[in-house]
Amino acid sequence: MGVGKQIKMAALSAVVEKGLAYLEKDPENNTVKLLDMIDKVVPANWYKPQRTSMYAALSDPNSNWSLLAKRIYALDPGVRQAFFTNFISNASLKGSVKQEATREKYNCNAPWAILLDPTSACNLRCTGCWAAEYGYKLNLTLDTINSIIEQGKEIGCYMYIYTGGEPLVRKADLIKLCEMHPDCEFLSFTNGTLIDEAFCQELLRVKNFVPAISLEGFEEANDSRRGEGVYQKVMNAMTLMKEHKLPFGISVCYTSRNYKDVSSDEFVDKIIDMGALFVWYFHYMPVGQAATPELMPKPDQRVEMIKKLRSFRSTKPIFAMDFQNDGEHVGGCIAGGRKYLHINAKGDVEPCVFIHYSNVNIHDVSLLDALRSPLFQAYHDNQPFNDNHLRPCPMLENPDRIRQLVKETGAVNTDYQDPESVDHLADKTVQYAENWAPVAKEIWAEKHPELVKEDEAVSA
């Protein structure tokens, strides 16, 4: 990356920091004033649609985005300021300079976020959980995780997300890592049952750790998969987080059985009332020998999820994300290091938290060498896997692509309990992909007619 662009990015980062400090003085009145100032200094076409939408939303004090902003500014000030600094200045601005330099120098992907499994151990046994494939006795040591973070920062990654297993089984080490890397933001997917008063006090102290608590719907739906009594423990965890003015979100796996529950206004209003600032929806993935393919949503059910989540974005004071249906906002599949990668509790470096195949282990190679390994390079060279970004995944919607990627690179399955061949994995999604393709095409054509016309012109 050129020196000129680095200087511009540094200047932009400084402006952002000053703007955030300005907001702290009087967030309710200074938000729109800050947007006015931004309009005067940035190029006229710089993210113009987004700026226009943001201005319109935040100018209305009763809009869902204004209400969300008020909820954010009700958080503990130190935690809020650390989040803004680490997430916006470090991960999104400072980090992007290094990421782009890495991509240009090494002709490989450079991730915005790294997902880590501190442990494969878990205090629950949830039905259909893919993480159980790894067994329950694997761990990444504190030194190994620290090394991954140090290497990650060298290539521009300041965002680290813990998966598992249950990451909070390793509470003490995770807090220690927050202390060791105050310039990074840490998020953890967690079942929430280990969040207590002492842990909340630690989060207030380190300031850079945000839980995303798993919830599968209301009590009956949630506990039918996660176990009796888990729902009430999650309610208690959210109550504690809200009382301590700590940020947290909700992680939802939607299936053919619970999609109505988790996409209902009642469910979203409930988690907002409990204090959640974001909700991250994940499509059920039939990974592993013990997977349940019938849990994959039917096409009409997936369409319903798309409609509901898009409506929430204009009506609910919560930030809603959909891992499978928001591909159009990020250019398709984000795995393989394009935006993120996954390192399991044994150290295998995988392109995706749902794709359990690898060529390398972090104990044997550097993070940069992992990004240049055969499977990761295949992701780099073949993304996007489909021009229709409602069909982003090489496994779920384009099963022949995952067969090709794994076989051509010689990647091996990292399921240590019951290894699964790539053909067994892909065969489970063939019918799903065929059923979804025409529906996705219709939705894509309606929303992006200009892209469909371009594709037809090229084909002709």
Protein backbone atom coordinates (compact mmCIF):
# COMPACT_ATOMS: atom_id res chain seq x y z
CA MET A 1 0.00 0.00 0.00
CA GLY A 2 1.30 3.44 -0.93
CA VAL A 3 2.53 5.93 1.64
CA GLY A 4 -0.14 8.41 0.53
CA LYS A 5 -2.96 6.03 1.36
CA GLN A 6 -1.40 5.20 4.73
CA ILE A 7 -1.25 8.90 5.57
CA LYS A 8 -4.89 9.39 4.54
CA MET A 9 -5.97 6.41 6.64
CA ALA A 10 -4.04 7.72 9.65
CA ALA A 11 -5.68 11.12 9.20
CA LEU A 12 -9.12 9.50 8.94
CA SER A 13 -8.44 7.49 12.10
CA ALA A 14 -7.53 10.70 13.93
CA VAL A 15 -10.73 12.36 12.71
CA VAL A 16 -12.77 9.38 13.91
CA GLU A 17 -11.17 9.53 17.37
CA LYS A 18 -11.89 13.25 17.63
CA GLY A 19 -15.44 12.67 16.43
CA LEU A 20 -16.03 10.00 19.06
CA ALA A 21 -14.69 12.32 21.76
CA TYR A 22 -17.06 15.02 20.48
CA LEU A 23 -19.99 12.60 20.69
CA GLU A 24 -19.12 11.69 24.27
CA LYS A 25 -19.81 15.28 25.35
CA ASP A 26 -23.44 15.24 24.21
CA PRO A 27 -24.32 12.20 22.07
CA GLU A 28 -28.01 13.06 21.63
CA ASN A 29 -27.38 16.50 20.14
CA ASN A 30 -23.93 16.06 18.61
CA THR A 31 -24.64 12.99 16.44
CA VAL A 32 -26.30 14.88 13.58
CA LYS A 33 -23.81 17.76 13.95
CA LEU A 34 -20.98 15.30 13.47
CA LEU A 35 -22.61 13.90 10.33
CA ASP A 36 -22.87 17.47 9.01
CA MET A 37 -19.15 17.96 9.61
CA ILE A 38 -18.32 14.69 7.88
CA ASP A 39 -20.36 15.77 4.83
CA LYS A 40 -18.22 18.89 4.53
CA VAL A 41 -14.83 17.15 4.56
CA VAL A 42 -15.28 13.87 2.68
CA PRO A 43 -15.64 13.47 -1.12
CA ALA A 44 -19.20 13.97 -2.34
CA ASN A 45 -19.55 10.37 -3.54
CA TRP A 46 -17.82 8.73 -0.54
CA TYR A 47 -20.32 6.15 0.78
CA LYS A 48 -23.05 8.59 -0.27
CA PRO A 49 -26.04 6.19 0.01
CA GLN A 50 -24.91 4.99 3.44
CA ARG A 51 -24.31 8.54 4.69
CA THR A 52 -27.70 9.66 3.41
CA SER A 53 -29.46 6.72 5.09
CA MET A 54 -27.58 7.23 8.35
CA TYR A 55 -28.34 10.95 8.38
CA ALA A 56 -32.04 10.32 7.79
CA ALA A 57 -32.20 7.64 10.49
CA LEU A 58 -30.28 9.51 13.16
CA SER A 59 -32.02 12.84 12.46
CA ASP A 60 -35.24 11.28 13.68
CA PRO A 61 -34.96 10.89 17.48
CA ASN A 62 -37.62 8.19 17.39
CA SER A 63 -36.06 6.05 14.66
CA ASN A 64 -34.83 2.59 15.61
CA TRP A 65 -31.22 3.64 14.90
CA SER A 66 -31.47 6.70 17.15
CA LEU A 67 -32.93 4.51 19.88
CA LEU A 68 -30.10 2.00 19.40
CA ALA A 69 -27.55 4.82 19.65
CA LYS A 70 -29.12 5.90 22.95
CA ARG A 71 -28.86 2.35 24.24
CA ILE A 72 -25.18 2.24 23.29
CA TYR A 73 -24.51 5.52 25.10
CA ALA A 74 -26.16 4.11 28.21
CA LEU A 75 -23.33 1.54 28.50
CA ASP A 76 -20.43 1.85 30.90
CA PRO A 77 -18.39 4.77 29.45
CA GLY A 78 -15.01 3.03 29.70
CA VAL A 79 -16.27 -0.13 27.99
CA ARG A 80 -18.00 1.89 25.28
CA GLN A 81 -14.92 3.99 24.53
CA ALA A 82 -12.67 0.91 24.40
CA PHE A 83 -15.08 -0.75 21.98
CA PHE A 84 -15.20 2.26 19.66
CA THR A 85 -11.41 2.61 19.68
CA ASN A 86 -10.68 -1.07 19.10
CA PHE A 87 -13.50 -1.86 16.69
CA ILE A 88 -13.52 1.30 14.56
CA SER A 89 -10.02 2.81 14.78
CA ASN A 90 -7.96 -0.37 15.19
CA ALA A 91 -9.89 -3.23 13.56
CA SER A 92 -11.61 -1.30 10.77
CA LEU A 93 -9.21 1.55 9.91
CA LYS A 94 -5.70 0.86 11.16
CA GLY A 95 -6.13 -2.85 10.51
CA SER A 96 -7.38 -2.42 6.95
CA VAL A 97 -4.09 -0.74 5.94
CA LYS A 98 -2.04 -3.73 7.08
CA GLN A 99 -4.54 -6.22 5.65
CA GLU A 100 -4.38 -4.66 2.20
CA ALA A 101 -0.58 -4.51 2.32
CA THR A 102 -0.51 -8.23 3.20
CA ARG A 103 -2.84 -9.11 0.33
CA GLU A 104 -0.76 -7.16 -2.16
CA LYS A 105 2.62 -8.44 -0.97
CA TYR A 106 1.78 -12.12 -0.59
CA ASN A 107 -1.15 -12.59 -3.02
CA CYS A 108 -3.28 -14.19 -0.33
CA ASN A 109 -6.24 -13.33 1.85
CA ALA A 110 -5.78 -11.36 5.09
CA PRO A 111 -8.61 -11.66 7.65
CA TRP A 112 -10.46 -8.90 9.45
CA ALA A 113 -11.31 -11.38 12.24
CA ILE A 114 -9.85 -14.63 13.51
CA LEU A 115 -12.08 -17.21 15.18
CA LEU A 116 -10.40 -19.36 17.83
CA ASP A 117 -11.49 -22.35 19.88
CA PRO A 118 -9.72 -21.95 23.24
CA THR A 119 -11.10 -25.36 24.22
CA SER A 120 -13.28 -28.16 22.90
CA ALA A 121 -14.68 -28.70 26.40
CA CYS A 122 -18.27 -27.70 27.11
CA ASN A 123 -20.64 -27.90 30.05
CA LEU A 124 -23.61 -28.61 27.75
CA ARG A 125 -24.42 -31.28 25.16
CA CYS A 126 -26.62 -29.50 22.61
CA THR A 127 -28.42 -31.50 19.92
CA GLY A 128 -26.75 -31.19 16.51
CA CYS A 129 -23.76 -29.15 17.75
CA TRP A 130 -20.96 -29.41 15.19
CA ALA A 131 -18.33 -28.42 17.81
CA ALA A 132 -18.79 -31.80 19.49
CA GLU A 133 -16.90 -33.33 16.55
CA TYR A 134 -13.62 -32.20 18.07
CA GLY A 135 -14.13 -34.13 21.32
CA TYR A 136 -13.98 -32.49 24.74
CA LYS A 137 -10.30 -32.65 25.74
CA LEU A 138 -8.52 -30.29 23.32
CA ASN A 139 -7.13 -26.88 24.26
CA LEU A 140 -5.08 -24.06 22.77
CA THR A 141 -2.61 -22.91 25.42
CA LEU A 142 -2.46 -19.30 26.55
CA ASP A 143 0.92 -18.94 24.84
CA THR A 144 -0.43 -20.34 21.57
CA ILE A 145 -3.42 -17.97 21.53
CA ASN A 146 -1.15 -15.06 22.41
CA SER A 147 1.16 -15.99 19.52
CA ILE A 148 -1.79 -16.14 17.11
CA ILE A 149 -2.92 -12.68 18.22
CA GLU A 150 0.59 -11.25 17.92
CA GLN A 151 0.91 -12.67 14.41
CA GLY A 152 -2.60 -11.49 13.57
CA LYS A 153 -1.83 -7.90 14.52
CA GLU A 154 1.20 -7.97 12.23
CA ILE A 155 -1.11 -8.54 9.27
CA GLY A 156 -3.80 -6.14 10.51
CA CYS A 157 -6.21 -8.26 12.55
CA TYR A 158 -7.46 -6.66 15.77
CA MET A 159 -10.74 -8.58 16.08
CA TYR A 160 -10.76 -12.01 17.77
CA ILE A 161 -13.82 -14.17 18.21
CA TYR A 162 -13.92 -17.21 20.49
CA THR A 163 -15.96 -20.28 19.64
CA GLY A 164 -15.80 -23.79 21.06
CA GLY A 165 -16.65 -25.86 22.99
CA GLU A 166 -17.63 -23.35 25.60
CA PRO A 167 -14.97 -20.60 25.65
CA LEU A 168 -15.85 -19.43 29.17
CA VAL A 169 -14.56 -22.73 30.53
CA ARG A 170 -11.26 -20.82 30.06
CA LYS A 171 -12.44 -17.57 31.73
CA ALA A 172 -9.16 -16.74 33.44
CA ASP A 173 -7.06 -17.10 30.29
CA LEU A 174 -9.51 -15.10 28.18
CA ILE A 175 -9.40 -12.22 30.65
CA LYS A 176 -5.59 -12.44 30.70
CA LEU A 177 -5.54 -12.11 26.90
CA CYS A 178 -7.72 -8.99 27.15
CA GLU A 179 -5.09 -7.53 29.48
CA MET A 180 -2.24 -8.54 27.17
CA HIS A 181 -3.91 -7.00 24.11
CA PRO A 182 -5.90 -3.90 25.14
CA ASP A 183 -5.77 -2.68 21.51
CA CYS A 184 -7.87 -5.65 20.33
CA GLU A 185 -11.58 -6.34 20.64
CA PHE A 186 -12.64 -9.81 21.79
CA LEU A 187 -16.06 -11.36 21.22
CA SER A 188 -17.09 -14.77 22.48
CA PHE A 189 -19.93 -17.02 21.43
CA THR A 190 -21.09 -18.58 24.69
CA ASN A 191 -24.00 -20.56 26.07
CA GLY A 192 -24.15 -17.92 28.81
CA THR A 193 -24.45 -20.34 31.72
CA LEU A 194 -21.01 -19.40 33.17
CA ILE A 195 -21.60 -15.62 33.27
CA ASP A 196 -21.77 -14.54 36.89
CA GLU A 197 -21.18 -11.46 39.07
CA ALA A 198 -17.42 -11.99 39.31
CA PHE A 199 -17.09 -12.32 35.54
CA CYS A 200 -19.10 -9.13 34.97
CA GLN A 201 -16.71 -7.29 37.27
CA GLU A 202 -13.78 -8.59 35.22
CA LEU A 203 -15.42 -7.39 31.99
CA LEU A 204 -15.81 -3.92 33.49
CA ARG A 205 -12.13 -3.97 34.40
CA VAL A 206 -10.63 -5.10 31.06
CA LYS A 207 -13.29 -3.35 28.92
CA ASN A 208 -12.61 -5.15 25.60
CA PHE A 209 -14.65 -8.37 25.81
CA VAL A 210 -18.20 -8.79 24.46
CA PRO A 211 -20.26 -12.00 24.86
CA ALA A 212 -22.66 -13.25 22.18
CA ILE A 213 -25.04 -15.50 24.10
CA SER A 214 -26.63 -18.44 22.31
CA LEU A 215 -30.41 -18.62 22.38
CA GLU A 216 -32.63 -20.84 20.25
CA GLY A 217 -35.98 -19.18 20.94
CA PHE A 218 -38.25 -19.14 23.98
CA GLU A 219 -37.89 -21.59 26.84
CA GLU A 220 -39.43 -24.70 25.26
CA ALA A 221 -37.60 -24.37 21.95
CA ASN A 222 -34.30 -23.43 23.57
CA ASP A 223 -34.24 -26.11 26.24
CA SER A 224 -35.38 -28.85 23.86
CA ARG A 225 -31.99 -28.49 22.17
CA ARG A 226 -29.75 -27.15 24.95
CA GLY A 227 -31.11 -28.88 28.04
CA GLU A 228 -33.61 -28.23 30.80
CA GLY A 229 -33.01 -25.06 32.78
CA VAL A 230 -30.60 -23.46 30.31
CA TYR A 231 -33.10 -20.77 29.23
CA GLN A 232 -33.44 -19.47 32.79
CA LYS A 233 -29.66 -19.42 33.20
CA VAL A 234 -29.38 -17.35 30.01
CA MET A 235 -32.04 -14.94 31.32
CA ASN A 236 -29.99 -14.55 34.49
CA ALA A 237 -26.80 -13.90 32.50
CA MET A 238 -28.49 -11.19 30.43
CA THR A 239 -29.91 -9.58 33.56
CA LEU A 240 -26.43 -9.39 35.07
CA MET A 241 -24.93 -7.93 31.90
CA LYS A 242 -27.63 -5.27 31.67
CA GLU A 243 -27.34 -4.35 35.35
CA HIS A 244 -23.61 -3.79 34.92
CA LYS A 245 -24.14 -1.72 31.72
CA LEU A 246 -22.09 -4.19 29.68
CA PRO A 247 -22.55 -4.75 25.93
CA PHE A 248 -23.67 -8.15 24.70
CA GLY A 249 -25.51 -9.74 21.85
CA ILE A 250 -27.46 -12.89 21.01
CA SER A 251 -26.41 -15.73 18.70
CA VAL A 252 -29.24 -17.69 17.08
CA CYS A 253 -29.04 -20.86 15.01
CA TYR A 254 -32.24 -20.95 12.98
CA THR A 255 -33.64 -24.26 11.77
CA SER A 256 -36.73 -25.68 10.12
CA ARG A 257 -38.16 -26.16 13.62
CA ASN A 258 -37.44 -22.89 15.41
CA TYR A 259 -37.38 -20.28 12.61
CA LYS A 260 -40.82 -18.87 13.51
CA ASP A 261 -39.90 -18.59 17.17
CA VAL A 262 -36.60 -16.76 16.63
CA SER A 263 -37.89 -14.45 13.90
CA SER A 264 -40.96 -13.33 15.82
CA ASP A 265 -41.41 -9.76 17.00
CA GLU A 266 -41.98 -11.15 20.49
CA PHE A 267 -38.56 -12.86 20.54
CA VAL A 268 -36.64 -9.84 19.26
CA ASP A 269 -38.52 -7.47 21.57
CA LYS A 270 -37.66 -9.80 24.47
CA ILE A 271 -33.90 -9.79 23.83
CA ILE A 272 -33.94 -6.00 23.32
CA ASP A 273 -35.73 -5.59 26.63
CA MET A 274 -33.11 -7.84 28.25
CA GLY A 275 -30.36 -5.53 26.96
CA ALA A 276 -28.99 -7.16 23.79
CA LEU A 277 -27.46 -4.70 21.31
CA PHE A 278 -27.06 -7.11 18.41
CA VAL A 279 -28.41 -10.44 17.23
CA TRP A 280 -26.47 -12.69 14.91
CA TYR A 281 -28.51 -15.31 13.04
CA PHE A 282 -26.83 -18.46 11.70
CA HIS A 283 -28.35 -20.88 9.23
CA TYR A 284 -28.17 -24.49 10.48
CA MET A 285 -25.29 -26.32 8.77
CA PRO A 286 -25.41 -30.15 8.47
CA VAL A 287 -21.78 -30.66 9.47
CA GLY A 288 -20.58 -34.02 10.81
CA GLN A 289 -21.74 -37.62 10.71
CA ALA A 290 -24.34 -36.94 13.41
CA ALA A 291 -25.84 -33.90 11.68
CA THR A 292 -29.59 -33.66 11.13
CA PRO A 293 -30.19 -32.47 7.53
CA GLU A 294 -33.93 -32.08 8.11
CA LEU A 295 -33.10 -29.13 10.38
CA MET A 296 -32.01 -27.12 7.34
CA PRO A 297 -34.70 -24.50 6.63
CA LYS A 298 -36.90 -25.06 3.60
CA PRO A 299 -36.77 -22.39 0.85
CA ASP A 300 -39.97 -20.70 2.00
CA GLN A 301 -38.71 -20.70 5.59
CA ARG A 302 -35.42 -19.11 4.53
CA VAL A 303 -37.34 -16.47 2.57
CA GLU A 304 -39.38 -15.73 5.68
CA MET A 305 -36.15 -15.23 7.65
CA ILE A 306 -34.88 -12.78 5.01
CA LYS A 307 -38.08 -10.75 5.11
CA LYS A 308 -38.27 -10.64 8.89
CA LEU A 309 -34.65 -9.67 9.46
CA ARG A 310 -34.79 -6.92 6.87
CA SER A 311 -37.91 -5.55 8.51
CA PHE A 312 -36.17 -5.54 11.89
CA ARG A 313 -33.46 -3.27 10.49
CA SER A 314 -35.95 -0.49 9.98
CA THR A 315 -38.11 -1.08 13.04
CA LYS A 316 -36.11 -2.53 15.95
CA PRO A 317 -33.38 -0.79 18.02
CA ILE A 318 -30.97 -3.70 17.60
CA PHE A 319 -28.29 -4.52 15.02
CA ALA A 320 -29.41 -7.71 13.24
CA MET A 321 -27.03 -9.80 11.10
CA ASP A 322 -27.72 -12.91 9.06
CA PHE A 323 -24.63 -15.03 8.37
CA GLN A 324 -26.13 -16.71 5.34
CA ASN A 325 -28.42 -14.11 3.79
CA ASP A 326 -26.24 -11.01 4.10
CA GLY A 327 -23.74 -12.17 1.49
CA GLU A 328 -24.70 -9.30 -0.80
CA HIS A 329 -23.30 -6.82 1.74
CA VAL A 330 -19.88 -8.51 1.89
CA GLY A 331 -19.41 -9.85 -1.64
CA GLY A 332 -20.31 -13.49 -0.98
CA CYS A 333 -18.36 -16.01 1.09
CA ILE A 334 -16.12 -14.34 3.70
CA ALA A 335 -14.24 -17.49 4.74
CA GLY A 336 -10.78 -18.70 3.83
CA GLY A 337 -9.23 -15.59 5.34
CA ARG A 338 -11.08 -13.22 3.01
CA LYS A 339 -12.70 -11.71 6.09
CA TYR A 340 -12.17 -14.44 8.65
CA LEU A 341 -10.73 -17.90 9.34
CA HIS A 342 -11.07 -20.50 12.09
CA ILE A 343 -8.49 -22.25 14.28
CA ASN A 344 -9.81 -25.21 16.22
CA ALA A 345 -8.73 -26.34 19.68
CA LYS A 346 -6.13 -28.70 18.24
CA GLY A 347 -4.61 -25.89 16.16
CA ASP A 348 -5.89 -26.91 12.73
CA VAL A 349 -6.36 -23.79 10.59
CA GLU A 350 -9.68 -24.10 8.76
CA PRO A 351 -11.21 -21.74 6.18
CA CYS A 352 -14.55 -21.60 7.99
CA VAL A 353 -16.03 -22.53 11.32
CA PHE A 354 -18.37 -24.86 9.36
CA ILE A 355 -15.76 -26.33 6.98
CA HIS A 356 -13.70 -28.84 8.94
CA TYR A 357 -10.88 -29.45 6.47
CA SER A 358 -7.31 -28.25 6.62
CA ASN A 359 -3.78 -28.59 5.24
CA VAL A 360 -1.92 -27.03 8.17
CA ASN A 361 -1.73 -26.70 11.95
CA ILE A 362 -0.81 -23.46 13.73
CA HIS A 363 1.67 -25.35 15.92
CA ASP A 364 3.69 -26.19 12.80
CA VAL A 365 3.37 -23.10 10.60
CA SER A 366 3.01 -19.34 10.93
CA LEU A 367 -0.35 -17.65 10.46
CA LEU A 368 0.90 -16.14 7.21
CA ASP A 369 1.99 -19.55 5.91
CA ALA A 370 -1.44 -20.93 6.85
CA LEU A 371 -3.05 -18.22 4.71
CA ARG A 372 -0.84 -19.36 1.82
CA SER A 373 -1.60 -23.07 2.31
CA PRO A 374 -3.30 -24.95 -0.57
CA LEU A 375 -6.89 -24.86 0.72
CA PHE A 376 -6.70 -21.17 1.70
CA GLN A 377 -5.12 -20.29 -1.61
CA ALA A 378 -7.94 -22.14 -3.37
CA TYR A 379 -10.45 -20.00 -1.48
CA HIS A 380 -8.51 -16.88 -2.46
CA ASP A 381 -8.43 -17.84 -6.14
CA ASN A 382 -12.08 -18.96 -6.43
CA GLN A 383 -14.11 -16.44 -4.41
CA PRO A 384 -16.88 -15.54 -4.86
CA PHE A 385 -18.20 -19.06 -5.35
CA ASN A 386 -21.39 -17.77 -6.94
CA ASP A 387 -22.27 -14.43 -8.54
CA ASN A 388 -25.60 -14.59 -6.71
CA HIS A 389 -24.59 -13.64 -3.18
CA LEU A 390 -27.73 -15.27 -1.79
CA ARG A 391 -25.85 -18.47 -2.67
CA PRO A 392 -22.44 -17.67 -1.13
CA CYS A 393 -21.30 -20.92 0.50
CA PRO A 394 -19.21 -23.56 -1.31
CA MET A 395 -20.79 -26.21 0.91
CA LEU A 396 -24.44 -25.28 1.50
CA GLU A 397 -25.47 -23.76 -1.83
CA ASN A 398 -22.66 -24.91 -4.16
CA PRO A 399 -21.69 -28.40 -2.93
CA ASP A 400 -19.64 -29.27 -6.00
CA ARG A 401 -17.31 -26.40 -5.14
CA ILE A 402 -16.38 -27.78 -1.72
CA ARG A 403 -15.77 -31.21 -3.24
CA GLN A 404 -13.40 -29.61 -5.75
CA LEU A 405 -11.60 -27.42 -3.21
CA VAL A 406 -10.92 -30.22 -0.75
CA LYS A 407 -9.96 -32.89 -3.29
CA GLU A 408 -7.68 -30.68 -5.38
CA THR A 409 -5.81 -29.36 -2.33
CA GLY A 410 -5.55 -32.64 -0.46
CA ALA A 411 -7.07 -31.11 2.67
CA VAL A 412 -7.93 -33.59 5.42
CA ASN A 413 -10.98 -33.74 7.66
CA THR A 414 -10.43 -32.38 11.17
CA ASP A 415 -13.27 -34.30 12.82
CA TYR A 416 -11.37 -36.41 15.34
CA GLN A 417 -14.39 -38.28 16.70
CA ASP A 418 -15.91 -39.59 13.48
CA PRO A 419 -14.17 -38.40 10.28
CA GLU A 420 -16.46 -37.24 7.47
CA SER A 421 -15.51 -37.39 3.81
CA VAL A 422 -16.17 -34.31 1.72
CA ASP A 423 -18.55 -36.33 -0.47
CA HIS A 424 -20.60 -37.32 2.58
CA LEU A 425 -20.76 -33.68 3.63
CA ALA A 426 -21.65 -32.34 0.19
CA ASP A 427 -24.21 -35.04 -0.56
CA LYS A 428 -26.32 -33.76 2.34
CA THR A 429 -26.73 -30.34 0.72
CA VAL A 430 -27.25 -31.26 -2.96
CA GLN A 431 -31.05 -31.32 -2.81
CA TYR A 432 -31.09 -28.25 -0.58
CA ALA A 433 -28.94 -26.33 -3.08
CA GLU A 434 -31.15 -27.37 -6.00
CA ASN A 435 -34.30 -26.28 -4.19
CA TRP A 436 -32.85 -22.95 -3.09
CA ALA A 437 -31.26 -21.93 -6.42
CA PRO A 438 -34.43 -20.80 -8.28
CA VAL A 439 -35.76 -18.99 -5.20
CA ALA A 440 -32.45 -17.19 -4.70
CA LYS A 441 -32.38 -16.27 -8.38
CA GLU A 442 -35.83 -14.71 -8.18
CA ILE A 443 -34.98 -12.65 -5.09
CA TRP A 444 -31.63 -11.58 -6.55
CA ALA A 445 -33.19 -10.54 -9.86
CA GLU A 446 -35.82 -8.49 -8.10
CA LYS A 447 -33.29 -6.62 -5.99
CA HIS A 448 -30.42 -6.45 -8.49
CA PRO A 449 -31.94 -6.41 -11.99
CA GLU A 450 -28.90 -4.58 -13.38
CA LEU A 451 -26.57 -7.40 -12.33
CA VAL A 452 -28.83 -10.05 -13.83
CA LYS A 453 -28.90 -8.14 -17.15
CA GLU A 454 -25.10 -7.96 -17.13
CA ASP A 455 -24.87 -11.73 -16.55
CA GLU A 456 -27.31 -12.42 -19.40
CA ALA A 457 -25.32 -10.15 -21.72
CA VAL A 458 -22.08 -11.98 -20.91
CA SER A 459 -23.74 -15.35 -21.44
CA ALA A 460 -25.10 -14.26 -24.82
